[in-house]
Amino acid sequence: MVNARHIFYGISMLDKYKNVGWKKFYLIYGMCDESFSINCTVTPPPGIDKGWFMFFVTLLNQIYWVTGATLGALLGYVIQFDTTGIEIVMTALFVVMFINQWEDTKEHKPALIGVGCSLLCLLIFGNENFILPAMALIILCFMFNKKEEKREAVQ
């Protein structure tokens, strides 16, 4: 379920991946946390093709992941050390990404929906079981929000 976050990554990147041609398929396939973070927040310099920029960010990140994971597995047999406390790194990554996106956008409704649904499910289901219900509730809220936006656009 940890990788279910890619559903939300993918949804938020739909507009960014428009008009990049065949590269869209690789951008979707190769997306990881780092590629999402960079491609979502960085605007390519003038004169640099957006599709190629995102393609090479994704390609390099995938190469780094494969190389790092392979080296880590090999060195893990040789070097042993205590990793207690390192799990905070992922939490910090997501907090920083959230803050950066909050500061970069004027529309905070999606972020507030995500935080609100997560807190509500945390209170109802507890910290061991809230992720799946929170994701389902967030998707439902976005679906209903989209329908409301369409109704308002028609009127």
N, C-alpha and C. Protein backbone atom coordinates (compact mmCIF):
# COMPACT_ATOMS: atom_id res chain seq x y z
N MET A 1 0.81 -1.21 0.00
CA MET A 1 0.00 0.00 0.00
C MET A 1 0.85 1.26 0.00
N VAL A 2 2.11 1.13 0.38
CA VAL A 2 2.97 2.30 0.37
C VAL A 2 3.03 2.91 -1.03
N ASN A 3 3.06 2.08 -2.05
CA ASN A 3 3.15 2.58 -3.42
C ASN A 3 1.84 3.13 -3.96
N ALA A 4 0.75 3.03 -3.21
CA ALA A 4 -0.51 3.61 -3.64
C ALA A 4 -0.41 5.13 -3.74
N ARG A 5 0.59 5.72 -3.12
CA ARG A 5 0.78 7.17 -3.23
C ARG A 5 1.01 7.58 -4.67
N HIS A 6 1.48 6.63 -5.49
CA HIS A 6 1.73 6.94 -6.90
C HIS A 6 0.43 7.26 -7.64
N ILE A 7 -0.70 6.80 -7.13
CA ILE A 7 -1.99 7.18 -7.71
C ILE A 7 -2.13 8.70 -7.63
N PHE A 8 -1.82 9.24 -6.46
CA PHE A 8 -1.96 10.68 -6.25
C PHE A 8 -0.87 11.45 -7.00
N TYR A 9 0.32 10.89 -7.06
CA TYR A 9 1.38 11.51 -7.85
C TYR A 9 0.92 11.62 -9.30
N GLY A 10 0.43 10.50 -9.81
CA GLY A 10 0.03 10.45 -11.22
C GLY A 10 -1.09 11.42 -11.53
N ILE A 11 -2.08 11.49 -10.66
CA ILE A 11 -3.20 12.41 -10.88
C ILE A 11 -2.72 13.85 -10.92
N SER A 12 -1.81 14.20 -10.02
CA SER A 12 -1.35 15.58 -9.99
C SER A 12 -0.41 15.93 -11.15
N MET A 13 0.11 14.91 -11.85
CA MET A 13 1.04 15.17 -12.96
C MET A 13 0.36 15.12 -14.33
N LEU A 14 -0.94 14.87 -14.39
CA LEU A 14 -1.62 14.75 -15.68
C LEU A 14 -1.41 15.96 -16.57
N ASP A 15 -1.55 17.15 -16.03
CA ASP A 15 -1.36 18.36 -16.84
C ASP A 15 0.09 18.54 -17.25
N LYS A 16 1.02 18.22 -16.36
CA LYS A 16 2.45 18.38 -16.69
C LYS A 16 2.87 17.45 -17.81
N TYR A 17 2.27 16.26 -17.89
CA TYR A 17 2.67 15.26 -18.87
C TYR A 17 1.95 15.42 -20.22
N LYS A 18 1.11 16.42 -20.33
CA LYS A 18 0.45 16.68 -21.62
C LYS A 18 1.46 17.17 -22.65
N ASN A 19 1.26 16.79 -23.87
CA ASN A 19 2.05 17.28 -25.01
C ASN A 19 3.54 16.98 -24.92
N VAL A 20 3.90 15.81 -24.37
CA VAL A 20 5.30 15.41 -24.35
C VAL A 20 5.55 14.21 -25.27
N GLY A 21 4.51 13.80 -26.00
CA GLY A 21 4.66 12.72 -26.96
C GLY A 21 4.88 11.37 -26.30
N TRP A 22 5.69 10.54 -26.97
CA TRP A 22 5.96 9.18 -26.51
C TRP A 22 6.65 9.13 -25.15
N LYS A 23 7.26 10.24 -24.76
CA LYS A 23 7.98 10.28 -23.48
C LYS A 23 7.02 10.11 -22.29
N LYS A 24 5.74 10.41 -22.50
CA LYS A 24 4.75 10.29 -21.43
C LYS A 24 4.74 8.88 -20.84
N PHE A 25 4.86 7.85 -21.69
CA PHE A 25 4.82 6.47 -21.21
C PHE A 25 5.98 6.17 -20.26
N TYR A 26 7.16 6.65 -20.60
CA TYR A 26 8.30 6.42 -19.71
C TYR A 26 8.19 7.27 -18.45
N LEU A 27 7.69 8.48 -18.57
CA LEU A 27 7.53 9.35 -17.40
C LEU A 27 6.58 8.70 -16.39
N ILE A 28 5.54 8.06 -16.89
CA ILE A 28 4.59 7.38 -16.00
C ILE A 28 5.25 6.15 -15.38
N TYR A 29 5.91 5.36 -16.22
CA TYR A 29 6.55 4.13 -15.75
C TYR A 29 7.67 4.42 -14.73
N GLY A 30 8.48 5.41 -14.99
CA GLY A 30 9.66 5.65 -14.18
C GLY A 30 9.47 6.57 -13.00
N MET A 31 8.23 7.01 -12.75
CA MET A 31 8.03 7.97 -11.67
C MET A 31 8.37 7.38 -10.30
N CYS A 32 9.16 8.11 -9.55
CA CYS A 32 9.46 7.77 -8.16
C CYS A 32 9.29 9.06 -7.35
N ASP A 33 9.48 8.98 -6.06
CA ASP A 33 9.29 10.15 -5.20
C ASP A 33 10.15 11.33 -5.67
N GLU A 34 11.40 11.06 -5.99
CA GLU A 34 12.32 12.12 -6.36
C GLU A 34 11.95 12.73 -7.72
N SER A 35 11.59 11.88 -8.69
CA SER A 35 11.19 12.37 -10.01
C SER A 35 9.94 13.23 -9.89
N PHE A 36 8.98 12.76 -9.09
CA PHE A 36 7.77 13.53 -8.88
C PHE A 36 8.09 14.89 -8.28
N SER A 37 8.91 14.89 -7.25
CA SER A 37 9.24 16.13 -6.56
C SER A 37 9.91 17.14 -7.49
N ILE A 38 10.87 16.67 -8.26
CA ILE A 38 11.59 17.58 -9.17
C ILE A 38 10.70 18.02 -10.32
N ASN A 39 10.06 17.06 -11.00
CA ASN A 39 9.25 17.39 -12.17
C ASN A 39 8.03 18.23 -11.80
N CYS A 40 7.56 18.10 -10.58
CA CYS A 40 6.39 18.86 -10.14
C CYS A 40 6.75 20.31 -9.79
N THR A 41 7.94 20.52 -9.26
CA THR A 41 8.26 21.85 -8.73
C THR A 41 9.23 22.67 -9.58
N VAL A 42 10.02 22.02 -10.44
CA VAL A 42 11.03 22.75 -11.20
C VAL A 42 10.50 23.10 -12.59
N THR A 43 10.69 24.34 -12.98
CA THR A 43 10.36 24.76 -14.33
C THR A 43 11.65 24.77 -15.15
N PRO A 44 11.64 24.05 -16.29
CA PRO A 44 12.87 24.03 -17.09
C PRO A 44 13.28 25.44 -17.53
N PRO A 45 14.57 25.68 -17.66
CA PRO A 45 15.03 27.00 -18.12
C PRO A 45 14.50 27.30 -19.51
N PRO A 46 14.42 28.58 -19.88
CA PRO A 46 13.95 28.94 -21.22
C PRO A 46 14.82 28.27 -22.28
N GLY A 47 14.16 27.77 -23.32
CA GLY A 47 14.88 27.13 -24.41
C GLY A 47 15.09 25.64 -24.21
N ILE A 48 14.71 25.11 -23.04
CA ILE A 48 14.84 23.68 -22.76
C ILE A 48 13.46 23.04 -22.90
N ASP A 49 13.38 21.99 -23.70
CA ASP A 49 12.12 21.29 -23.92
C ASP A 49 11.65 20.62 -22.62
N LYS A 50 10.42 20.92 -22.22
CA LYS A 50 9.85 20.40 -20.97
C LYS A 50 9.83 18.87 -20.96
N GLY A 51 9.44 18.26 -22.06
CA GLY A 51 9.37 16.80 -22.12
C GLY A 51 10.71 16.13 -21.95
N TRP A 52 11.73 16.64 -22.63
CA TRP A 52 13.07 16.06 -22.50
C TRP A 52 13.65 16.31 -21.12
N PHE A 53 13.37 17.47 -20.55
CA PHE A 53 13.83 17.78 -19.19
C PHE A 53 13.29 16.75 -18.20
N MET A 54 11.95 16.53 -18.24
CA MET A 54 11.34 15.58 -17.32
C MET A 54 11.79 14.15 -17.61
N PHE A 55 12.00 13.83 -18.90
CA PHE A 55 12.47 12.50 -19.28
C PHE A 55 13.83 12.20 -18.65
N PHE A 56 14.77 13.14 -18.77
CA PHE A 56 16.10 12.88 -18.23
C PHE A 56 16.14 12.93 -16.70
N VAL A 57 15.29 13.75 -16.09
CA VAL A 57 15.18 13.72 -14.62
C VAL A 57 14.74 12.33 -14.19
N THR A 58 13.72 11.80 -14.86
CA THR A 58 13.18 10.48 -14.52
C THR A 58 14.20 9.38 -14.80
N LEU A 59 14.86 9.45 -15.96
CA LEU A 59 15.86 8.44 -16.33
C LEU A 59 17.02 8.42 -15.33
N LEU A 60 17.56 9.59 -15.02
CA LEU A 60 18.67 9.65 -14.08
C LEU A 60 18.26 9.16 -12.69
N ASN A 61 17.06 9.53 -12.25
CA ASN A 61 16.60 9.05 -10.95
C ASN A 61 16.44 7.54 -10.94
N GLN A 62 15.95 6.98 -12.06
CA GLN A 62 15.81 5.52 -12.11
C GLN A 62 17.18 4.85 -12.08
N ILE A 63 18.13 5.40 -12.81
CA ILE A 63 19.50 4.86 -12.79
C ILE A 63 20.08 4.93 -11.38
N TYR A 64 19.87 6.07 -10.71
CA TYR A 64 20.37 6.22 -9.34
C TYR A 64 19.73 5.19 -8.41
N TRP A 65 18.43 4.98 -8.56
CA TRP A 65 17.72 4.02 -7.71
C TRP A 65 18.25 2.61 -7.92
N VAL A 66 18.35 2.19 -9.16
CA VAL A 66 18.81 0.83 -9.46
C VAL A 66 20.25 0.64 -8.98
N THR A 67 21.10 1.60 -9.28
CA THR A 67 22.50 1.51 -8.85
C THR A 67 22.61 1.51 -7.33
N GLY A 68 21.93 2.44 -6.69
CA GLY A 68 21.97 2.53 -5.23
C GLY A 68 21.41 1.30 -4.54
N ALA A 69 20.31 0.78 -5.06
CA ALA A 69 19.71 -0.42 -4.46
C ALA A 69 20.63 -1.63 -4.63
N THR A 70 21.25 -1.74 -5.79
CA THR A 70 22.16 -2.86 -6.03
C THR A 70 23.39 -2.76 -5.12
N LEU A 71 23.99 -1.57 -5.08
CA LEU A 71 25.15 -1.38 -4.20
C LEU A 71 24.78 -1.57 -2.73
N GLY A 72 23.61 -1.07 -2.36
CA GLY A 72 23.16 -1.23 -0.98
C GLY A 72 22.96 -2.68 -0.59
N ALA A 73 22.39 -3.45 -1.50
CA ALA A 73 22.20 -4.88 -1.23
C ALA A 73 23.54 -5.59 -1.09
N LEU A 74 24.46 -5.27 -2.00
CA LEU A 74 25.78 -5.92 -1.95
C LEU A 74 26.57 -5.51 -0.71
N LEU A 75 26.57 -4.21 -0.42
CA LEU A 75 27.32 -3.73 0.74
C LEU A 75 26.64 -4.10 2.07
N GLY A 76 25.32 -4.34 2.02
CA GLY A 76 24.59 -4.73 3.22
C GLY A 76 25.06 -6.04 3.80
N TYR A 77 25.59 -6.88 2.94
CA TYR A 77 26.14 -8.14 3.42
C TYR A 77 27.50 -7.94 4.10
N VAL A 78 28.19 -6.90 3.68
CA VAL A 78 29.55 -6.67 4.18
C VAL A 78 29.55 -5.75 5.40
N ILE A 79 28.77 -4.68 5.34
CA ILE A 79 28.77 -3.66 6.40
C ILE A 79 27.47 -3.76 7.19
N GLN A 80 27.54 -3.94 8.48
CA GLN A 80 26.37 -4.04 9.35
C GLN A 80 26.34 -2.83 10.29
N PHE A 81 25.19 -2.15 10.40
CA PHE A 81 25.05 -1.05 11.38
C PHE A 81 23.58 -0.89 11.74
N ASP A 82 23.34 -0.23 12.86
CA ASP A 82 21.99 -0.02 13.39
C ASP A 82 21.32 1.14 12.65
N THR A 83 20.13 0.91 12.09
CA THR A 83 19.41 1.94 11.35
C THR A 83 18.22 2.50 12.12
N THR A 84 18.19 2.30 13.41
CA THR A 84 17.09 2.79 14.24
C THR A 84 16.94 4.31 14.08
N GLY A 85 15.73 4.75 13.82
CA GLY A 85 15.44 6.17 13.72
C GLY A 85 15.49 6.74 12.32
N ILE A 86 15.93 5.98 11.33
CA ILE A 86 16.08 6.51 9.98
C ILE A 86 14.74 6.68 9.26
N GLU A 87 13.69 6.04 9.79
CA GLU A 87 12.38 6.11 9.14
C GLU A 87 11.81 7.53 9.09
N ILE A 88 12.31 8.44 9.88
CA ILE A 88 11.84 9.83 9.87
C ILE A 88 12.15 10.54 8.56
N VAL A 89 13.09 10.00 7.80
CA VAL A 89 13.51 10.64 6.55
C VAL A 89 12.35 10.76 5.57
N MET A 90 11.54 9.69 5.41
CA MET A 90 10.42 9.74 4.47
C MET A 90 9.36 10.74 4.93
N THR A 91 9.11 10.77 6.24
CA THR A 91 8.15 11.74 6.76
C THR A 91 8.63 13.16 6.48
N ALA A 92 9.89 13.42 6.70
CA ALA A 92 10.45 14.75 6.44
C ALA A 92 10.36 15.10 4.96
N LEU A 93 10.62 14.13 4.08
CA LEU A 93 10.52 14.37 2.64
C LEU A 93 9.12 14.83 2.27
N PHE A 94 8.10 14.13 2.76
CA PHE A 94 6.73 14.48 2.41
C PHE A 94 6.30 15.80 3.02
N VAL A 95 6.77 16.10 4.20
CA VAL A 95 6.45 17.39 4.82
C VAL A 95 7.05 18.54 4.00
N VAL A 96 8.29 18.39 3.59
CA VAL A 96 8.94 19.43 2.79
C VAL A 96 8.24 19.59 1.44
N MET A 97 7.89 18.47 0.79
CA MET A 97 7.18 18.55 -0.50
C MET A 97 5.83 19.25 -0.33
N PHE A 98 5.12 18.93 0.76
CA PHE A 98 3.83 19.54 1.03
C PHE A 98 3.98 21.06 1.21
N ILE A 99 4.96 21.46 2.00
CA ILE A 99 5.18 22.89 2.25
C ILE A 99 5.56 23.61 0.96
N ASN A 100 6.44 23.01 0.16
CA ASN A 100 6.83 23.64 -1.12
C ASN A 100 5.64 23.81 -2.04
N GLN A 101 4.81 22.79 -2.16
CA GLN A 101 3.64 22.90 -3.03
C GLN A 101 2.63 23.90 -2.47
N TRP A 102 2.49 23.95 -1.16
CA TRP A 102 1.58 24.91 -0.53
C TRP A 102 2.02 26.35 -0.88
N GLU A 103 3.32 26.59 -0.77
CA GLU A 103 3.84 27.93 -1.05
C GLU A 103 3.79 28.29 -2.53
N ASP A 104 3.88 27.29 -3.42
CA ASP A 104 3.92 27.54 -4.86
C ASP A 104 2.55 27.70 -5.50
N THR A 105 1.47 27.33 -4.78
CA THR A 105 0.14 27.42 -5.38
C THR A 105 -0.75 28.35 -4.58
N LYS A 106 -1.72 28.90 -5.28
CA LYS A 106 -2.70 29.75 -4.62
C LYS A 106 -3.91 28.92 -4.18
N GLU A 107 -4.16 27.82 -4.88
CA GLU A 107 -5.30 26.95 -4.60
C GLU A 107 -4.89 25.90 -3.57
N HIS A 108 -5.42 26.00 -2.36
CA HIS A 108 -5.04 25.09 -1.28
C HIS A 108 -6.12 24.05 -0.98
N LYS A 109 -7.21 24.09 -1.73
CA LYS A 109 -8.31 23.17 -1.46
C LYS A 109 -7.88 21.70 -1.53
N PRO A 110 -7.14 21.25 -2.56
CA PRO A 110 -6.72 19.84 -2.60
C PRO A 110 -5.87 19.45 -1.39
N ALA A 111 -4.97 20.31 -0.98
CA ALA A 111 -4.12 20.01 0.18
C ALA A 111 -4.96 19.91 1.45
N LEU A 112 -5.91 20.83 1.60
CA LEU A 112 -6.76 20.81 2.79
C LEU A 112 -7.66 19.58 2.81
N ILE A 113 -8.14 19.16 1.64
CA ILE A 113 -8.94 17.94 1.55
C ILE A 113 -8.10 16.74 1.99
N GLY A 114 -6.88 16.66 1.48
CA GLY A 114 -6.00 15.54 1.84
C GLY A 114 -5.69 15.49 3.32
N VAL A 115 -5.34 16.62 3.88
CA VAL A 115 -5.02 16.67 5.32
C VAL A 115 -6.27 16.40 6.15
N GLY A 116 -7.39 17.00 5.78
CA GLY A 116 -8.63 16.81 6.53
C GLY A 116 -9.11 15.37 6.51
N CYS A 117 -9.11 14.75 5.34
CA CYS A 117 -9.53 13.34 5.24
C CYS A 117 -8.60 12.44 6.04
N SER A 118 -7.31 12.72 5.97
CA SER A 118 -6.34 11.90 6.69
C SER A 118 -6.54 12.03 8.21
N LEU A 119 -6.72 13.24 8.69
CA LEU A 119 -6.93 13.44 10.13
C LEU A 119 -8.23 12.80 10.61
N LEU A 120 -9.29 12.94 9.81
CA LEU A 120 -10.57 12.33 10.17
C LEU A 120 -10.43 10.81 10.27
N CYS A 121 -9.80 10.20 9.28
CA CYS A 121 -9.62 8.74 9.30
C CYS A 121 -8.66 8.31 10.41
N LEU A 122 -7.70 9.13 10.72
CA LEU A 122 -6.79 8.83 11.83
C LEU A 122 -7.57 8.77 13.15
N LEU A 123 -8.47 9.72 13.33
CA LEU A 123 -9.28 9.75 14.56
C LEU A 123 -10.24 8.56 14.62
N ILE A 124 -10.82 8.19 13.48
CA ILE A 124 -11.82 7.12 13.46
C ILE A 124 -11.17 5.74 13.52
N PHE A 125 -10.13 5.52 12.70
CA PHE A 125 -9.57 4.18 12.54
C PHE A 125 -8.28 3.93 13.32
N GLY A 126 -7.68 4.98 13.87
CA GLY A 126 -6.42 4.81 14.60
C GLY A 126 -5.22 4.80 13.67
N ASN A 127 -4.03 4.93 14.25
CA ASN A 127 -2.83 5.09 13.42
C ASN A 127 -2.39 3.82 12.71
N GLU A 128 -2.93 2.66 13.06
CA GLU A 128 -2.55 1.43 12.38
C GLU A 128 -3.40 1.15 11.14
N ASN A 129 -4.59 1.76 11.05
CA ASN A 129 -5.54 1.38 10.00
C ASN A 129 -6.13 2.55 9.22
N PHE A 130 -5.55 3.72 9.28
CA PHE A 130 -6.20 4.88 8.67
C PHE A 130 -5.84 5.13 7.21
N ILE A 131 -4.75 4.55 6.72
CA ILE A 131 -4.25 4.92 5.38
C ILE A 131 -5.23 4.56 4.27
N LEU A 132 -5.70 3.32 4.22
CA LEU A 132 -6.62 2.91 3.15
C LEU A 132 -7.92 3.70 3.18
N PRO A 133 -8.58 3.82 4.34
CA PRO A 133 -9.80 4.64 4.35
C PRO A 133 -9.53 6.10 3.97
N ALA A 134 -8.39 6.64 4.39
CA ALA A 134 -8.07 8.03 4.05
C ALA A 134 -7.90 8.19 2.54
N MET A 135 -7.19 7.26 1.91
CA MET A 135 -7.01 7.33 0.45
C MET A 135 -8.35 7.23 -0.27
N ALA A 136 -9.20 6.30 0.18
CA ALA A 136 -10.51 6.14 -0.44
C ALA A 136 -11.34 7.41 -0.27
N LEU A 137 -11.32 7.99 0.91
CA LEU A 137 -12.08 9.21 1.18
C LEU A 137 -11.56 10.39 0.36
N ILE A 138 -10.25 10.50 0.22
CA ILE A 138 -9.66 11.57 -0.59
C ILE A 138 -10.11 11.43 -2.04
N ILE A 139 -10.06 10.22 -2.57
CA ILE A 139 -10.49 10.00 -3.96
C ILE A 139 -11.96 10.36 -4.12
N LEU A 140 -12.80 9.94 -3.18
CA LEU A 140 -14.22 10.29 -3.24
C LEU A 140 -14.43 11.80 -3.21
N CYS A 141 -13.73 12.49 -2.33
CA CYS A 141 -13.85 13.95 -2.23
C CYS A 141 -13.46 14.62 -3.54
N PHE A 142 -12.37 14.15 -4.16
CA PHE A 142 -11.94 14.74 -5.43
C PHE A 142 -12.94 14.44 -6.54
N MET A 143 -13.53 13.23 -6.52
CA MET A 143 -14.53 12.89 -7.53
C MET A 143 -15.76 13.80 -7.41
N PHE A 144 -16.24 13.99 -6.18
CA PHE A 144 -17.39 14.86 -5.97
C PHE A 144 -17.05 16.32 -6.26
N ASN A 145 -15.83 16.73 -5.94
CA ASN A 145 -15.39 18.09 -6.23
C ASN A 145 -15.36 18.33 -7.74
N LYS A 146 -14.89 17.33 -8.50
CA LYS A 146 -14.83 17.45 -9.96
C LYS A 146 -16.24 17.60 -10.53
N LYS A 147 -17.18 16.80 -10.00
CA LYS A 147 -18.57 16.89 -10.47
C LYS A 147 -19.15 18.27 -10.18
N GLU A 148 -18.84 18.82 -9.01
CA GLU A 148 -19.31 20.17 -8.65
C GLU A 148 -18.75 21.21 -9.60
N GLU A 149 -17.46 21.10 -9.90
CA GLU A 149 -16.82 22.05 -10.81
C GLU A 149 -17.46 21.99 -12.19
N LYS A 150 -17.78 20.79 -12.66
CA LYS A 150 -18.42 20.64 -13.98
C LYS A 150 -19.81 21.26 -13.96
N ARG A 151 -20.57 21.02 -12.86
CA ARG A 151 -21.91 21.61 -12.75
C ARG A 151 -21.83 23.14 -12.74
N GLU A 152 -20.86 23.69 -12.03
CA GLU A 152 -20.71 25.14 -11.96
C GLU A 152 -20.30 25.71 -13.31
N ALA A 153 -19.48 24.98 -14.06
CA ALA A 153 -19.03 25.45 -15.38
C ALA A 153 -20.19 25.47 -16.36
N VAL A 154 -21.13 24.54 -16.24
CA VAL A 154 -22.28 24.46 -17.15
C VAL A 154 -23.24 25.61 -16.88
N GLN A 155 -23.38 26.00 -15.63
CA GLN A 155 -24.35 27.05 -15.25
C GLN A 155 -23.85 28.38 -15.58
